[in-house]
Every structure is written in structure tokens, then in C-alpha cells.
N, C-alpha and C. Protein backbone atom coordinates (compact mmCIF):
# COMPACT_ATOMS: atom_id res chain seq x y z
N UNK A 1 8.26 -73.11 -49.51
CA UNK A 1 8.83 -73.89 -50.62
C UNK A 1 10.37 -73.94 -50.51
N UNK A 2 11.00 -72.77 -50.46
CA UNK A 2 12.45 -72.70 -50.30
C UNK A 2 12.88 -73.42 -49.02
N UNK A 3 12.11 -73.17 -47.98
CA UNK A 3 12.39 -73.73 -46.66
C UNK A 3 12.48 -75.25 -46.73
N UNK A 4 11.49 -75.86 -47.38
CA UNK A 4 11.43 -77.31 -47.51
C UNK A 4 12.63 -77.82 -48.29
N UNK A 5 12.98 -77.12 -49.37
CA UNK A 5 14.12 -77.53 -50.19
C UNK A 5 15.39 -77.54 -49.35
N UNK A 6 15.56 -76.52 -48.52
CA UNK A 6 16.75 -76.44 -47.66
C UNK A 6 16.83 -77.66 -46.75
N UNK A 7 15.70 -78.03 -46.14
CA UNK A 7 15.72 -79.13 -45.19
C UNK A 7 15.90 -80.47 -45.89
N UNK A 8 15.31 -80.63 -47.06
CA UNK A 8 15.44 -81.89 -47.78
C UNK A 8 16.87 -82.10 -48.28
N UNK A 9 17.54 -81.00 -48.59
CA UNK A 9 18.89 -81.09 -49.14
C UNK A 9 19.85 -81.73 -48.15
N UNK A 10 19.62 -81.52 -46.87
CA UNK A 10 20.57 -82.02 -45.88
C UNK A 10 19.96 -82.88 -44.80
N UNK A 11 20.73 -83.84 -44.35
CA UNK A 11 20.39 -84.68 -43.21
C UNK A 11 20.36 -83.80 -41.96
N UNK A 12 19.26 -83.87 -41.21
CA UNK A 12 19.06 -82.97 -40.08
C UNK A 12 20.23 -82.93 -39.10
N UNK A 13 20.85 -84.09 -38.84
CA UNK A 13 21.94 -84.12 -37.86
C UNK A 13 23.26 -83.67 -38.49
N UNK A 14 23.60 -84.24 -39.64
CA UNK A 14 24.89 -83.96 -40.26
C UNK A 14 24.99 -82.55 -40.80
N UNK A 15 23.86 -82.01 -41.28
CA UNK A 15 23.94 -80.71 -41.94
C UNK A 15 23.23 -79.61 -41.15
N UNK A 16 23.41 -79.67 -39.83
CA UNK A 16 22.83 -78.65 -38.94
C UNK A 16 23.29 -77.26 -39.35
N UNK A 17 24.59 -77.12 -39.64
CA UNK A 17 25.13 -75.83 -40.05
C UNK A 17 24.54 -75.38 -41.38
N UNK A 18 24.35 -76.34 -42.29
CA UNK A 18 23.74 -76.04 -43.58
C UNK A 18 22.34 -75.47 -43.39
N UNK A 19 21.58 -76.07 -42.47
CA UNK A 19 20.22 -75.62 -42.19
C UNK A 19 20.25 -74.21 -41.61
N UNK A 20 21.17 -73.97 -40.68
CA UNK A 20 21.29 -72.63 -40.09
C UNK A 20 21.59 -71.60 -41.17
N UNK A 21 22.47 -71.97 -42.11
CA UNK A 21 22.81 -71.07 -43.20
C UNK A 21 21.58 -70.78 -44.06
N UNK A 22 20.79 -71.81 -44.34
CA UNK A 22 19.56 -71.65 -45.12
C UNK A 22 18.62 -70.66 -44.43
N UNK A 23 18.46 -70.83 -43.12
CA UNK A 23 17.57 -69.96 -42.37
C UNK A 23 18.07 -68.52 -42.44
N UNK A 24 19.38 -68.34 -42.32
CA UNK A 24 19.97 -67.00 -42.37
C UNK A 24 19.70 -66.36 -43.72
N UNK A 25 19.89 -67.13 -44.79
CA UNK A 25 19.65 -66.62 -46.15
C UNK A 25 18.18 -66.25 -46.32
N UNK A 26 17.29 -67.12 -45.84
CA UNK A 26 15.85 -66.83 -45.95
C UNK A 26 15.49 -65.56 -45.20
N UNK A 27 16.07 -65.36 -44.03
CA UNK A 27 15.81 -64.14 -43.26
C UNK A 27 16.25 -62.90 -44.04
N UNK A 28 17.42 -62.99 -44.68
CA UNK A 28 17.92 -61.87 -45.48
C UNK A 28 16.98 -61.59 -46.65
N UNK A 29 16.53 -62.66 -47.32
CA UNK A 29 15.61 -62.49 -48.45
C UNK A 29 14.31 -61.83 -48.01
N UNK A 30 13.78 -62.26 -46.86
CA UNK A 30 12.54 -61.68 -46.35
C UNK A 30 12.72 -60.21 -46.04
N UNK A 31 13.87 -59.86 -45.46
CA UNK A 31 14.15 -58.46 -45.13
C UNK A 31 14.21 -57.61 -46.39
N UNK A 32 14.88 -58.13 -47.43
CA UNK A 32 14.97 -57.41 -48.70
C UNK A 32 13.58 -57.22 -49.30
N UNK A 33 12.75 -58.26 -49.24
CA UNK A 33 11.39 -58.19 -49.76
C UNK A 33 10.59 -57.12 -49.03
N UNK A 34 10.74 -57.06 -47.71
CA UNK A 34 10.04 -56.06 -46.93
C UNK A 34 10.49 -54.65 -47.31
N UNK A 35 11.79 -54.47 -47.52
CA UNK A 35 12.31 -53.17 -47.92
C UNK A 35 11.74 -52.75 -49.27
N UNK A 36 11.68 -53.69 -50.22
CA UNK A 36 11.13 -53.39 -51.54
C UNK A 36 9.66 -52.99 -51.44
N UNK A 37 8.91 -53.73 -50.63
CA UNK A 37 7.49 -53.41 -50.45
C UNK A 37 7.31 -52.03 -49.86
N UNK A 38 8.17 -51.67 -48.90
CA UNK A 38 8.10 -50.36 -48.26
C UNK A 38 8.37 -49.27 -49.29
N UNK A 39 9.38 -49.49 -50.14
CA UNK A 39 9.71 -48.52 -51.19
C UNK A 39 8.52 -48.30 -52.11
N UNK A 40 7.87 -49.39 -52.52
CA UNK A 40 6.71 -49.29 -53.40
C UNK A 40 5.60 -48.49 -52.75
N UNK A 41 5.37 -48.75 -51.45
CA UNK A 41 4.32 -48.06 -50.71
C UNK A 41 4.61 -46.56 -50.64
N UNK A 42 5.87 -46.21 -50.40
CA UNK A 42 6.27 -44.80 -50.30
C UNK A 42 6.04 -44.11 -51.64
N UNK A 43 6.39 -44.78 -52.73
CA UNK A 43 6.22 -44.20 -54.06
C UNK A 43 4.75 -43.98 -54.38
N UNK A 44 3.88 -44.90 -53.95
CA UNK A 44 2.44 -44.76 -54.20
C UNK A 44 1.86 -43.55 -53.48
N UNK A 45 2.37 -43.27 -52.28
CA UNK A 45 1.83 -42.17 -51.47
C UNK A 45 2.09 -40.81 -52.11
N UNK A 46 3.17 -40.68 -52.87
CA UNK A 46 3.51 -39.39 -53.48
C UNK A 46 2.51 -38.99 -54.56
């Protein structure tokens, strides 16, 4: 969903850098989500 919004926001040729930035942000968000999930899993094990 977010991914599509990023691509629709910009013209593929003119906003290549914008798209790269979107991908970078999405990668960071995914990493944070994974860290949160790991924390939850660790807490459950205790």
C-alpha cells in the first residue's frame, strides 16, 4: 500500500531519487517492525 503511494506520487523518470528515498524509508520501517516483533517474542519467552 505505502509502496504504491510512493510510486504514484512521482513520475518514474523525473522522481527517481524520490522513489529511492521511499524505498529507503520503507526498508527502515520494516527493520523497526522486525525489531519490535523480536522484542515481543523475547518478552513472551520469559
